[in-house]
Amino acid sequence: MRNAFRSLLATLLLIGGLGLASAPAHADAFDDARAAGQVGERADGYAAVVDPAAPANVKNLVNDINAKRRAAYQKIADEKGVPIEQIAAITAEKIIREILQPGMYYMDASGSWKQK
């Protein structure tokens, strides 16, 4: 069953970018902030601000991205009858393993920021 979730999430990431496909400028801004080390990925499937000095627009961007992710996770969780946290965690694994580039940040399960 875990492989079915991974497959479904891979499709979601490729097709919809977790709700970002309709807003390429929004996605570009998020990717730029992630590449600049201002934003990272958490082990729970959500983004977070890495740099406390990041400008307000970056913090707002993270909030927007997380709201879209939560909606996407909830939709899948409802369809599959599983907890939203399970969907979010599987997605986090995939993002960290396959999408993050070297030098980008992720937060491990202990809450420590690591650079890929």
C-alpha atoms as a PDB file:
ATOM      1  CA  MET A   1       0.000   0.000   0.000  1.00  0.00           C
ATOM      2  CA  ARG A   2       2.916   2.346   0.747  1.00  0.00           C
ATOM      3  CA  ASN A   3       4.078   1.984  -2.874  1.00  0.00           C
ATOM      4  CA  ALA A   4       0.622   3.000  -4.081  1.00  0.00           C
ATOM      5  CA  PHE A   5       0.862   6.165  -1.980  1.00  0.00           C
ATOM      6  CA  ARG A   6       4.322   6.894  -3.338  1.00  0.00           C
ATOM      7  CA  SER A   7       3.092   6.456  -6.900  1.00  0.00           C
ATOM      8  CA  LEU A   8       0.101   8.691  -6.308  1.00  0.00           C
ATOM      9  CA  LEU A   9       2.236  11.356  -4.678  1.00  0.00           C
ATOM     10  CA  ALA A  10       4.810  11.212  -7.457  1.00  0.00           C
ATOM     11  CA  THR A  11       2.048  11.860  -9.953  1.00  0.00           C
ATOM     12  CA  LEU A  12       0.703  14.702  -7.842  1.00  0.00           C
ATOM     13  CA  LEU A  13       4.124  16.301  -7.593  1.00  0.00           C
ATOM     14  CA  LEU A  14       4.817  15.994 -11.298  1.00  0.00           C
ATOM     15  CA  ILE A  15       1.421  17.140 -12.528  1.00  0.00           C
ATOM     16  CA  GLY A  16       0.311  19.645  -9.961  1.00  0.00           C
ATOM     17  CA  GLY A  17       3.330  20.702  -7.993  1.00  0.00           C
ATOM     18  CA  LEU A  18       1.090  20.416  -4.931  1.00  0.00           C
ATOM     19  CA  GLY A  19      -1.177  23.164  -6.106  1.00  0.00           C
ATOM     20  CA  LEU A  20       1.439  25.355  -7.704  1.00  0.00           C
ATOM     21  CA  ALA A  21       0.977  24.526 -11.374  1.00  0.00           C
ATOM     22  CA  SER A  22      -1.493  27.354 -11.820  1.00  0.00           C
ATOM     23  CA  ALA A  23       0.904  29.907 -10.364  1.00  0.00           C
ATOM     24  CA  PRO A  24       4.335  29.489 -11.987  1.00  0.00           C
ATOM     25  CA  ALA A  25       5.651  32.816 -10.655  1.00  0.00           C
ATOM     26  CA  HIS A  26       4.673  31.693  -7.154  1.00  0.00           C
ATOM     27  CA  ALA A  27       6.480  28.388  -7.672  1.00  0.00           C
ATOM     28  CA  ASP A  28       9.529  30.165  -9.082  1.00  0.00           C
ATOM     29  CA  ALA A  29       9.680  32.478  -6.061  1.00  0.00           C
ATOM     30  CA  PHE A  30       9.507  29.468  -3.742  1.00  0.00           C
ATOM     31  CA  ASP A  31      12.214  27.622  -5.689  1.00  0.00           C
ATOM     32  CA  ASP A  32      14.407  30.738  -5.601  1.00  0.00           C
ATOM     33  CA  ALA A  33      13.961  31.098  -1.830  1.00  0.00           C
ATOM     34  CA  ARG A  34      14.752  27.414  -1.354  1.00  0.00           C
ATOM     35  CA  ALA A  35      17.870  27.681  -3.540  1.00  0.00           C
ATOM     36  CA  ALA A  36      18.986  30.775  -1.587  1.00  0.00           C
ATOM     37  CA  GLY A  37      18.770  28.859   1.696  1.00  0.00           C
ATOM     38  CA  GLN A  38      15.917  30.971   3.051  1.00  0.00           C
ATOM     39  CA  VAL A  39      13.409  28.125   2.909  1.00  0.00           C
ATOM     40  CA  GLY A  40      13.768  24.425   3.601  1.00  0.00           C
ATOM     41  CA  GLU A  41      11.697  21.282   3.738  1.00  0.00           C
ATOM     42  CA  ARG A  42      10.557  19.706   6.995  1.00  0.00           C
ATOM     43  CA  ALA A  43      10.244  15.963   7.603  1.00  0.00           C
ATOM     44  CA  ASP A  44       6.511  16.440   8.165  1.00  0.00           C
ATOM     45  CA  GLY A  45       5.842  17.450   4.543  1.00  0.00           C
ATOM     46  CA  TYR A  46       5.703  21.193   4.998  1.00  0.00           C
ATOM     47  CA  ALA A  47       8.106  24.009   4.151  1.00  0.00           C
ATOM     48  CA  ALA A  48       9.684  26.269   6.755  1.00  0.00           C
ATOM     49  CA  VAL A  49      11.770  29.411   6.886  1.00  0.00           C
ATOM     50  CA  VAL A  50      15.410  28.462   7.521  1.00  0.00           C
ATOM     51  CA  ASP A  51      16.792  31.982   7.799  1.00  0.00           C
ATOM     52  CA  PRO A  52      15.079  33.994  10.557  1.00  0.00           C
ATOM     53  CA  ALA A  53      16.140  37.159   8.717  1.00  0.00           C
ATOM     54  CA  ALA A  54      14.181  36.153   5.610  1.00  0.00           C
ATOM     55  CA  PRO A  55      11.927  38.950   4.370  1.00  0.00           C
ATOM     56  CA  ALA A  56       8.209  38.949   5.130  1.00  0.00           C
ATOM     57  CA  ASN A  57       7.335  38.027   1.549  1.00  0.00           C
ATOM     58  CA  VAL A  58       9.301  34.771   1.927  1.00  0.00           C
ATOM     59  CA  LYS A  59       7.485  33.969   5.172  1.00  0.00           C
ATOM     60  CA  ASN A  60       4.150  34.678   3.479  1.00  0.00           C
ATOM     61  CA  LEU A  61       5.175  32.481   0.554  1.00  0.00           C
ATOM     62  CA  VAL A  62       5.904  29.585   2.920  1.00  0.00           C
ATOM     63  CA  ASN A  63       2.479  30.017   4.527  1.00  0.00           C
ATOM     64  CA  ASP A  64       0.801  29.981   1.097  1.00  0.00           C
ATOM     65  CA  ILE A  65       2.733  26.906  -0.043  1.00  0.00           C
ATOM     66  CA  ASN A  66       1.898  25.057   3.167  1.00  0.00           C
ATOM     67  CA  ALA A  67      -1.809  25.861   2.848  1.00  0.00           C
ATOM     68  CA  LYS A  68      -1.809  24.418  -0.682  1.00  0.00           C
ATOM     69  CA  ARG A  69       0.122  21.360   0.416  1.00  0.00           C
ATOM     70  CA  ARG A  70      -2.238  20.757   3.327  1.00  0.00           C
ATOM     71  CA  ALA A  71      -5.236  20.900   0.986  1.00  0.00           C
ATOM     72  CA  ALA A  72      -3.582  18.454  -1.424  1.00  0.00           C
ATOM     73  CA  TYR A  73      -2.563  16.107   1.393  1.00  0.00           C
ATOM     74  CA  GLN A  74      -6.060  16.216   2.878  1.00  0.00           C
ATOM     75  CA  LYS A  75      -7.647  15.369  -0.462  1.00  0.00           C
ATOM     76  CA  ILE A  76      -5.428  12.313  -0.898  1.00  0.00           C
ATOM     77  CA  ALA A  77      -5.855  11.263   2.738  1.00  0.00           C
ATOM     78  CA  ASP A  78      -9.637  11.462   2.411  1.00  0.00           C
ATOM     79  CA  GLU A  79      -9.592   9.456  -0.828  1.00  0.00           C
ATOM     80  CA  LYS A  80      -7.350   6.757   0.656  1.00  0.00           C
ATOM     81  CA  GLY A  81      -8.808   6.731   4.151  1.00  0.00           C
ATOM     82  CA  VAL A  82      -5.472   7.330   5.852  1.00  0.00           C
ATOM     83  CA  PRO A  83      -4.211  10.036   8.207  1.00  0.00           C
ATOM     84  CA  ILE A  84      -3.067  13.265   6.556  1.00  0.00           C
ATOM     85  CA  GLU A  85       0.231  12.987   8.457  1.00  0.00           C
ATOM     86  CA  GLN A  86       1.026   9.759   6.627  1.00  0.00           C
ATOM     87  CA  ILE A  87       0.544  11.396   3.228  1.00  0.00           C
ATOM     88  CA  ALA A  88       2.576  14.444   4.276  1.00  0.00           C
ATOM     89  CA  ALA A  89       5.471  12.345   5.603  1.00  0.00           C
ATOM     90  CA  ILE A  90       5.675  10.212   2.458  1.00  0.00           C
ATOM     91  CA  THR A  91       5.700  13.369   0.363  1.00  0.00           C
ATOM     92  CA  ALA A  92       8.457  14.867   2.527  1.00  0.00           C
ATOM     93  CA  GLU A  93      10.629  11.808   1.928  1.00  0.00           C
ATOM     94  CA  LYS A  94      10.132  12.160  -1.819  1.00  0.00           C
ATOM     95  CA  ILE A  95      10.788  15.908  -1.892  1.00  0.00           C
ATOM     96  CA  ILE A  96      13.954  15.578   0.185  1.00  0.00           C
ATOM     97  CA  ARG A  97      15.252  12.583  -1.735  1.00  0.00           C
ATOM     98  CA  GLU A  98      14.304  13.514  -5.302  1.00  0.00           C
ATOM     99  CA  ILE A  99      13.584  17.229  -5.604  1.00  0.00           C
ATOM    100  CA  LEU A 100      15.991  19.026  -3.286  1.00  0.00           C
ATOM    101  CA  GLN A 101      19.289  19.869  -4.935  1.00  0.00           C
ATOM    102  CA  PRO A 102      22.689  19.792  -3.221  1.00  0.00           C
ATOM    103  CA  GLY A 103      23.052  22.762  -0.896  1.00  0.00           C
ATOM    104  CA  MET A 104      19.325  23.058  -0.177  1.00  0.00           C
ATOM    105  CA  TYR A 105      18.054  22.634   3.374  1.00  0.00           C
ATOM    106  CA  TYR A 106      15.805  20.085   5.013  1.00  0.00           C
ATOM    107  CA  MET A 107      14.839  19.519   8.627  1.00  0.00           C
ATOM    108  CA  ASP A 108      15.327  16.008   9.900  1.00  0.00           C
ATOM    109  CA  ALA A 109      12.973  14.238  12.292  1.00  0.00           C
ATOM    110  CA  SER A 110      14.916  15.581  15.300  1.00  0.00           C
ATOM    111  CA  GLY A 111      14.257  19.177  14.203  1.00  0.00           C
ATOM    112  CA  SER A 112      17.790  19.966  13.021  1.00  0.00           C
ATOM    113  CA  TRP A 113      18.413  21.731   9.733  1.00  0.00           C
ATOM    114  CA  LYS A 114      20.688  19.795   7.382  1.00  0.00           C
ATOM    115  CA  GLN A 115      22.102  20.759   4.024  1.00  0.00           C
ATOM    116  CA  LYS A 116      21.689  18.205   1.272  1.00  0.00           C
END
